[in-house]
Amino acid sequence: MANAEWYETPANVLGLADWLNDGGWFSTPQDALRFFEKPWKWTREFGLWRLWREADAANDEKLREAAVDALDDGNTAASDVRALLGQ
C-alpha cells in the first residue's frame, strides 16, 4: 500500500479530535462536525499532536507545553517548535 495520508487512518483522526476537544477547540457539536468533514485541513494541528504525543511519551514537559502553545497561537508548526527548542 502506498503511503496513506494521516487523515486516512481513523485512529489519527480520532486521536487528534480527542486532543483538540480536550484543549477546548470544539465549542459546539458543529465545530466537531466541521473537523470530521474535512480533517485534511488540520494537518498543522496533526503535526503538533504528534509532537505532543512524543513529548508525553518522553515525559518532556517543556516540549509538551511548547506544542500546546503552538496550537493556541494558530501559526506555528511542529517543525518550528523543534527549531525553537533546538531539537
N, C-alpha and C. Protein backbone atom coordinates (compact mmCIF):
# COMPACT_ATOMS: atom_id res chain seq x y z
N MET A 1 0.84 -1.18 0.00
CA MET A 1 0.00 0.00 0.00
C MET A 1 0.88 1.24 0.00
N ALA A 2 0.52 2.21 -0.80
CA ALA A 2 1.27 3.46 -0.84
C ALA A 2 1.10 4.20 0.48
N ASN A 3 1.97 5.16 0.71
CA ASN A 3 1.87 5.94 1.93
C ASN A 3 0.52 6.64 2.00
N ALA A 4 -0.21 6.34 3.03
CA ALA A 4 -1.52 6.95 3.23
C ALA A 4 -1.33 8.32 3.89
N GLU A 5 -2.23 9.20 3.60
CA GLU A 5 -2.24 10.48 4.28
C GLU A 5 -2.69 10.25 5.72
N TRP A 6 -2.26 11.10 6.63
CA TRP A 6 -2.57 10.90 8.04
C TRP A 6 -4.07 10.79 8.28
N TYR A 7 -4.85 11.55 7.55
CA TYR A 7 -6.30 11.59 7.77
C TYR A 7 -7.03 10.39 7.19
N GLU A 8 -6.32 9.50 6.51
CA GLU A 8 -6.92 8.27 6.00
C GLU A 8 -6.90 7.16 7.04
N THR A 9 -6.28 7.42 8.17
CA THR A 9 -6.21 6.44 9.26
C THR A 9 -7.14 6.90 10.38
N PRO A 10 -8.22 6.15 10.62
CA PRO A 10 -9.19 6.58 11.63
C PRO A 10 -8.59 6.89 13.00
N ALA A 11 -7.61 6.10 13.43
CA ALA A 11 -7.01 6.34 14.74
C ALA A 11 -6.35 7.72 14.81
N ASN A 12 -5.77 8.16 13.71
CA ASN A 12 -5.16 9.50 13.68
C ASN A 12 -6.22 10.58 13.81
N VAL A 13 -7.29 10.44 13.04
CA VAL A 13 -8.35 11.45 13.05
C VAL A 13 -9.01 11.51 14.42
N LEU A 14 -9.33 10.34 14.97
CA LEU A 14 -9.98 10.31 16.27
C LEU A 14 -9.06 10.79 17.39
N GLY A 15 -7.79 10.42 17.33
CA GLY A 15 -6.83 10.87 18.33
C GLY A 15 -6.66 12.38 18.32
N LEU A 16 -6.53 12.94 17.12
CA LEU A 16 -6.41 14.39 17.01
C LEU A 16 -7.68 15.08 17.50
N ALA A 17 -8.82 14.55 17.11
CA ALA A 17 -10.09 15.14 17.55
C ALA A 17 -10.21 15.12 19.07
N ASP A 18 -9.80 14.03 19.68
CA ASP A 18 -9.85 13.92 21.14
C ASP A 18 -8.95 14.97 21.79
N TRP A 19 -7.73 15.13 21.25
CA TRP A 19 -6.78 16.11 21.80
C TRP A 19 -7.32 17.53 21.63
N LEU A 20 -7.86 17.82 20.46
CA LEU A 20 -8.44 19.14 20.23
C LEU A 20 -9.62 19.40 21.15
N ASN A 21 -10.45 18.39 21.33
CA ASN A 21 -11.59 18.53 22.22
C ASN A 21 -11.14 18.78 23.66
N ASP A 22 -10.14 18.01 24.11
CA ASP A 22 -9.61 18.21 25.46
C ASP A 22 -9.05 19.61 25.64
N GLY A 23 -8.53 20.18 24.55
CA GLY A 23 -7.97 21.53 24.61
C GLY A 23 -8.99 22.64 24.43
N GLY A 24 -10.26 22.25 24.28
CA GLY A 24 -11.31 23.24 24.16
C GLY A 24 -11.50 23.82 22.77
N TRP A 25 -11.00 23.13 21.76
CA TRP A 25 -11.11 23.64 20.39
C TRP A 25 -12.48 23.45 19.78
N PHE A 26 -13.26 22.55 20.33
CA PHE A 26 -14.62 22.34 19.82
C PHE A 26 -15.60 22.90 20.85
N SER A 27 -16.15 24.06 20.54
CA SER A 27 -17.10 24.70 21.45
C SER A 27 -18.51 24.15 21.28
N THR A 28 -18.79 23.69 20.09
CA THR A 28 -20.14 23.20 19.77
C THR A 28 -20.01 21.89 18.99
N PRO A 29 -21.08 21.13 18.92
CA PRO A 29 -21.06 19.93 18.08
C PRO A 29 -20.74 20.27 16.62
N GLN A 30 -21.16 21.43 16.16
CA GLN A 30 -20.89 21.84 14.79
C GLN A 30 -19.39 21.99 14.53
N ASP A 31 -18.65 22.45 15.53
CA ASP A 31 -17.19 22.55 15.39
C ASP A 31 -16.58 21.18 15.14
N ALA A 32 -17.03 20.20 15.90
CA ALA A 32 -16.52 18.84 15.73
C ALA A 32 -16.93 18.28 14.37
N LEU A 33 -18.15 18.53 13.96
CA LEU A 33 -18.59 18.05 12.65
C LEU A 33 -17.76 18.65 11.53
N ARG A 34 -17.44 19.93 11.63
CA ARG A 34 -16.60 20.58 10.60
C ARG A 34 -15.23 19.91 10.53
N PHE A 35 -14.69 19.54 11.69
CA PHE A 35 -13.41 18.84 11.72
C PHE A 35 -13.51 17.52 10.96
N PHE A 36 -14.53 16.73 11.28
CA PHE A 36 -14.66 15.41 10.65
C PHE A 36 -15.02 15.49 9.17
N GLU A 37 -15.66 16.57 8.75
CA GLU A 37 -15.98 16.73 7.34
C GLU A 37 -14.72 16.94 6.49
N LYS A 38 -13.74 17.67 7.03
CA LYS A 38 -12.53 18.00 6.27
C LYS A 38 -11.29 17.92 7.17
N PRO A 39 -10.94 16.73 7.62
CA PRO A 39 -9.81 16.63 8.54
C PRO A 39 -8.47 17.04 7.90
N TRP A 40 -8.35 16.94 6.58
CA TRP A 40 -7.09 17.30 5.92
C TRP A 40 -6.75 18.77 6.11
N LYS A 41 -7.71 19.59 6.49
CA LYS A 41 -7.43 21.00 6.74
C LYS A 41 -6.75 21.22 8.10
N TRP A 42 -6.54 20.15 8.84
CA TRP A 42 -5.98 20.22 10.18
C TRP A 42 -4.58 19.58 10.24
N THR A 43 -3.86 19.64 9.15
CA THR A 43 -2.54 18.99 9.09
C THR A 43 -1.54 19.63 10.04
N ARG A 44 -1.56 20.95 10.17
CA ARG A 44 -0.65 21.62 11.13
C ARG A 44 -0.93 21.12 12.53
N GLU A 45 -2.18 21.04 12.89
CA GLU A 45 -2.56 20.58 14.22
C GLU A 45 -2.19 19.12 14.43
N PHE A 46 -2.29 18.31 13.36
CA PHE A 46 -1.90 16.91 13.46
C PHE A 46 -0.41 16.80 13.79
N GLY A 47 0.42 17.61 13.15
CA GLY A 47 1.85 17.61 13.44
C GLY A 47 2.14 17.98 14.89
N LEU A 48 1.40 18.94 15.40
CA LEU A 48 1.59 19.34 16.80
C LEU A 48 1.11 18.26 17.76
N TRP A 49 0.03 17.58 17.40
CA TRP A 49 -0.45 16.48 18.23
C TRP A 49 0.59 15.36 18.29
N ARG A 50 1.17 15.04 17.15
CA ARG A 50 2.22 14.00 17.14
C ARG A 50 3.41 14.43 17.99
N LEU A 51 3.77 15.70 17.90
CA LEU A 51 4.87 16.22 18.72
C LEU A 51 4.51 16.13 20.20
N TRP A 52 3.28 16.50 20.54
CA TRP A 52 2.82 16.42 21.92
C TRP A 52 2.85 14.98 22.43
N ARG A 53 2.41 14.03 21.59
CA ARG A 53 2.43 12.62 21.98
C ARG A 53 3.86 12.14 22.22
N GLU A 54 4.77 12.55 21.34
CA GLU A 54 6.18 12.18 21.51
C GLU A 54 6.71 12.74 22.83
N ALA A 55 6.38 14.00 23.10
CA ALA A 55 6.83 14.64 24.34
C ALA A 55 6.21 13.97 25.56
N ASP A 56 4.94 13.58 25.44
CA ASP A 56 4.26 12.91 26.54
C ASP A 56 4.92 11.57 26.85
N ALA A 57 5.25 10.82 25.81
CA ALA A 57 5.90 9.52 25.99
C ALA A 57 7.28 9.66 26.62
N ALA A 58 7.96 10.77 26.31
CA ALA A 58 9.31 11.00 26.84
C ALA A 58 9.27 11.78 28.15
N ASN A 59 8.07 12.11 28.62
CA ASN A 59 7.89 12.91 29.83
C ASN A 59 8.64 14.24 29.73
N ASP A 60 8.56 14.86 28.56
CA ASP A 60 9.23 16.13 28.28
C ASP A 60 8.22 17.27 28.40
N GLU A 61 8.10 17.81 29.60
CA GLU A 61 7.09 18.83 29.89
C GLU A 61 7.31 20.09 29.05
N LYS A 62 8.54 20.47 28.83
CA LYS A 62 8.83 21.67 28.05
C LYS A 62 8.33 21.53 26.61
N LEU A 63 8.59 20.39 26.00
CA LEU A 63 8.14 20.15 24.64
C LEU A 63 6.62 20.02 24.57
N ARG A 64 6.04 19.38 25.57
CA ARG A 64 4.58 19.26 25.64
C ARG A 64 3.93 20.64 25.69
N GLU A 65 4.43 21.50 26.55
CA GLU A 65 3.89 22.86 26.67
C GLU A 65 4.10 23.66 25.39
N ALA A 66 5.26 23.48 24.76
CA ALA A 66 5.54 24.21 23.52
C ALA A 66 4.58 23.78 22.41
N ALA A 67 4.23 22.51 22.36
CA ALA A 67 3.28 22.03 21.35
C ALA A 67 1.90 22.63 21.58
N VAL A 68 1.47 22.69 22.82
CA VAL A 68 0.16 23.28 23.14
C VAL A 68 0.17 24.78 22.85
N ASP A 69 1.25 25.47 23.22
CA ASP A 69 1.35 26.90 22.92
C ASP A 69 1.29 27.15 21.42
N ALA A 70 1.96 26.31 20.65
CA ALA A 70 1.94 26.46 19.19
C ALA A 70 0.55 26.22 18.64
N LEU A 71 -0.16 25.26 19.20
CA LEU A 71 -1.53 25.01 18.79
C LEU A 71 -2.38 26.25 19.03
N ASP A 72 -2.21 26.85 20.18
CA ASP A 72 -3.01 28.02 20.55
C ASP A 72 -2.67 29.25 19.73
N ASP A 73 -1.42 29.39 19.28
CA ASP A 73 -1.06 30.61 18.54
C ASP A 73 -1.58 30.59 17.10
N GLY A 74 -1.90 29.40 16.60
CA GLY A 74 -2.54 29.31 15.30
C GLY A 74 -1.63 29.38 14.08
N ASN A 75 -0.34 29.56 14.26
CA ASN A 75 0.57 29.69 13.12
C ASN A 75 1.76 28.75 13.15
N THR A 76 2.22 28.40 14.33
CA THR A 76 3.46 27.66 14.47
C THR A 76 3.27 26.18 14.17
N ALA A 77 4.15 25.64 13.35
CA ALA A 77 4.12 24.22 13.00
C ALA A 77 5.05 23.44 13.94
N ALA A 78 4.90 22.13 13.93
CA ALA A 78 5.74 21.27 14.78
C ALA A 78 7.22 21.46 14.47
N SER A 79 7.57 21.62 13.20
CA SER A 79 8.98 21.82 12.84
C SER A 79 9.52 23.12 13.42
N ASP A 80 8.67 24.14 13.51
CA ASP A 80 9.08 25.41 14.12
C ASP A 80 9.33 25.24 15.61
N VAL A 81 8.50 24.45 16.28
CA VAL A 81 8.67 24.20 17.71
C VAL A 81 10.00 23.50 17.94
N ARG A 82 10.27 22.48 17.12
CA ARG A 82 11.55 21.75 17.26
C ARG A 82 12.73 22.70 17.07
N ALA A 83 12.65 23.57 16.06
CA ALA A 83 13.74 24.51 15.79
C ALA A 83 13.94 25.47 16.96
N LEU A 84 12.83 25.96 17.52
CA LEU A 84 12.92 26.89 18.64
C LEU A 84 13.56 26.25 19.87
N LEU A 85 13.31 24.95 20.04
CA LEU A 85 13.85 24.23 21.20
C LEU A 85 15.19 23.58 20.89
N GLY A 86 15.68 23.77 19.66
CA GLY A 86 16.97 23.20 19.29
C GLY A 86 16.95 21.69 19.16
N GLN A 87 15.85 21.14 18.68
CA GLN A 87 15.73 19.69 18.52
C GLN A 87 15.73 19.30 17.07
